[in-house]
Amino acid sequence: MPTVKFFATLRKATGEAGYQSSARSVAGVLKEVERRYGDGVSRYLRNVTVLVNGRHIGYLRGKRTRLEPGDEVSLFPPLAGG
């Protein structure tokens, strides 16, 4: 099973550092997160940065990136600052 990890305000919004996912793709993880944590988290998912095993999904197959047992999916909300 892939492990999903939350960072920054997304961690605070979910109340967890992460969980074990049953999803088989990045798109599946995002849908699963939205179902599991609801509207308070779904607003972060529109612009979330996703890494699979430390690699940005833009360099893989995007949301169609397949997941294998043992993979680590890291979700980073948009960051702002100055």
C-alpha atoms as a PDB file:
ATOM      1  CA  MET A   1       0.000   0.000   0.000  1.00  0.00           C
ATOM      2  CA  PRO A   2       1.279   3.506  -0.782  1.00  0.00           C
ATOM      3  CA  THR A   3       1.880   5.910   2.076  1.00  0.00           C
ATOM      4  CA  VAL A   4       0.406   9.417   1.760  1.00  0.00           C
ATOM      5  CA  LYS A   5       2.189  12.188   3.681  1.00  0.00           C
ATOM      6  CA  PHE A   6       0.808  15.669   4.373  1.00  0.00           C
ATOM      7  CA  PHE A   7       2.904  18.808   4.826  1.00  0.00           C
ATOM      8  CA  ALA A   8       2.434  22.363   6.144  1.00  0.00           C
ATOM      9  CA  THR A   9      -1.164  23.625   6.348  1.00  0.00           C
ATOM     10  CA  LEU A  10      -2.445  20.444   4.726  1.00  0.00           C
ATOM     11  CA  ARG A  11      -1.146  18.483   7.717  1.00  0.00           C
ATOM     12  CA  LYS A  12      -2.923  20.894  10.042  1.00  0.00           C
ATOM     13  CA  ALA A  13      -6.178  20.687   8.034  1.00  0.00           C
ATOM     14  CA  THR A  14      -6.223  16.866   8.094  1.00  0.00           C
ATOM     15  CA  GLY A  15      -5.018  16.555  11.669  1.00  0.00           C
ATOM     16  CA  GLU A  16      -2.648  13.788  10.559  1.00  0.00           C
ATOM     17  CA  ALA A  17       0.873  13.436   9.228  1.00  0.00           C
ATOM     18  CA  GLY A  18      -0.318  10.810   6.748  1.00  0.00           C
ATOM     19  CA  TYR A  19      -2.019   7.465   6.205  1.00  0.00           C
ATOM     20  CA  GLN A  20      -1.836   4.209   4.239  1.00  0.00           C
ATOM     21  CA  SER A  21      -3.740   4.505   0.963  1.00  0.00           C
ATOM     22  CA  SER A  22      -5.514   1.879  -1.094  1.00  0.00           C
ATOM     23  CA  ALA A  23      -5.362   4.009  -4.266  1.00  0.00           C
ATOM     24  CA  ARG A  24      -3.544   2.766  -7.352  1.00  0.00           C
ATOM     25  CA  SER A  25      -2.857   6.182  -8.939  1.00  0.00           C
ATOM     26  CA  VAL A  26      -2.194   9.774  -7.939  1.00  0.00           C
ATOM     27  CA  ALA A  27      -5.692  10.714  -9.139  1.00  0.00           C
ATOM     28  CA  GLY A  28      -7.072   7.999  -6.861  1.00  0.00           C
ATOM     29  CA  VAL A  29      -5.126   9.375  -3.896  1.00  0.00           C
ATOM     30  CA  LEU A  30      -6.497  12.877  -4.470  1.00  0.00           C
ATOM     31  CA  LYS A  31     -10.070  11.577  -4.672  1.00  0.00           C
ATOM     32  CA  GLU A  32      -9.506   9.437  -1.596  1.00  0.00           C
ATOM     33  CA  VAL A  33      -8.116  12.399   0.380  1.00  0.00           C
ATOM     34  CA  GLU A  34     -11.102  14.535  -0.599  1.00  0.00           C
ATOM     35  CA  ARG A  35     -13.577  11.831   0.477  1.00  0.00           C
ATOM     36  CA  ARG A  36     -11.702  11.083   3.679  1.00  0.00           C
ATOM     37  CA  TYR A  37     -11.171  14.668   4.905  1.00  0.00           C
ATOM     38  CA  GLY A  38     -13.966  16.659   3.216  1.00  0.00           C
ATOM     39  CA  ASP A  39     -14.350  20.273   2.174  1.00  0.00           C
ATOM     40  CA  GLY A  40     -11.824  21.651   4.640  1.00  0.00           C
ATOM     41  CA  VAL A  41      -9.075  19.860   2.729  1.00  0.00           C
ATOM     42  CA  SER A  42     -10.458  19.839  -0.821  1.00  0.00           C
ATOM     43  CA  ARG A  43      -9.637  23.544  -1.292  1.00  0.00           C
ATOM     44  CA  TYR A  44      -5.935  22.726  -0.897  1.00  0.00           C
ATOM     45  CA  LEU A  45      -6.094  19.950  -3.472  1.00  0.00           C
ATOM     46  CA  ARG A  46      -6.780  22.306  -6.404  1.00  0.00           C
ATOM     47  CA  ASN A  47      -3.176  23.545  -6.381  1.00  0.00           C
ATOM     48  CA  VAL A  48      -1.409  20.829  -4.436  1.00  0.00           C
ATOM     49  CA  THR A  49       2.154  19.854  -5.340  1.00  0.00           C
ATOM     50  CA  VAL A  50       2.480  16.069  -5.542  1.00  0.00           C
ATOM     51  CA  LEU A  51       5.683  14.056  -5.303  1.00  0.00           C
ATOM     52  CA  VAL A  52       5.889  10.293  -5.718  1.00  0.00           C
ATOM     53  CA  ASN A  53       9.016   8.844  -4.144  1.00  0.00           C
ATOM     54  CA  GLY A  54      10.536  12.335  -4.187  1.00  0.00           C
ATOM     55  CA  ARG A  55       9.800  13.010  -7.873  1.00  0.00           C
ATOM     56  CA  HIS A  56       7.340  15.671  -9.026  1.00  0.00           C
ATOM     57  CA  ILE A  57       4.450  14.063 -10.908  1.00  0.00           C
ATOM     58  CA  GLY A  58       5.042  16.531 -13.770  1.00  0.00           C
ATOM     59  CA  TYR A  59       8.116  14.441 -14.606  1.00  0.00           C
ATOM     60  CA  LEU A  60       6.175  11.189 -14.345  1.00  0.00           C
ATOM     61  CA  ARG A  61       2.686  10.612 -15.773  1.00  0.00           C
ATOM     62  CA  GLY A  62       0.925  13.402 -13.905  1.00  0.00           C
ATOM     63  CA  LYS A  63      -2.226  12.345 -12.082  1.00  0.00           C
ATOM     64  CA  ARG A  64      -2.169   9.104 -14.086  1.00  0.00           C
ATOM     65  CA  THR A  65       1.036   8.040 -12.314  1.00  0.00           C
ATOM     66  CA  ARG A  66       0.526   4.468 -11.114  1.00  0.00           C
ATOM     67  CA  LEU A  67       1.334   3.611  -7.530  1.00  0.00           C
ATOM     68  CA  GLU A  68       2.897   0.444  -6.202  1.00  0.00           C
ATOM     69  CA  PRO A  69       2.999  -0.939  -2.655  1.00  0.00           C
ATOM     70  CA  GLY A  70       5.687   0.904  -0.712  1.00  0.00           C
ATOM     71  CA  ASP A  71       5.467   4.110  -2.771  1.00  0.00           C
ATOM     72  CA  GLU A  72       5.406   7.406  -0.878  1.00  0.00           C
ATOM     73  CA  VAL A  73       3.077  10.178  -2.051  1.00  0.00           C
ATOM     74  CA  SER A  74       3.876  13.603  -0.583  1.00  0.00           C
ATOM     75  CA  LEU A  75       1.247  16.359  -0.750  1.00  0.00           C
ATOM     76  CA  PHE A  76       2.328  19.990  -0.356  1.00  0.00           C
ATOM     77  CA  PRO A  77      -0.263  22.785  -0.310  1.00  0.00           C
ATOM     78  CA  PRO A  78       0.442  26.055  -2.126  1.00  0.00           C
ATOM     79  CA  LEU A  79       2.921  28.161  -0.190  1.00  0.00           C
ATOM     80  CA  ALA A  80       2.993  31.926   0.115  1.00  0.00           C
ATOM     81  CA  GLY A  81       5.309  34.322   1.761  1.00  0.00           C
ATOM     82  CA  GLY A  82       7.674  37.117   1.213  1.00  0.00           C
END
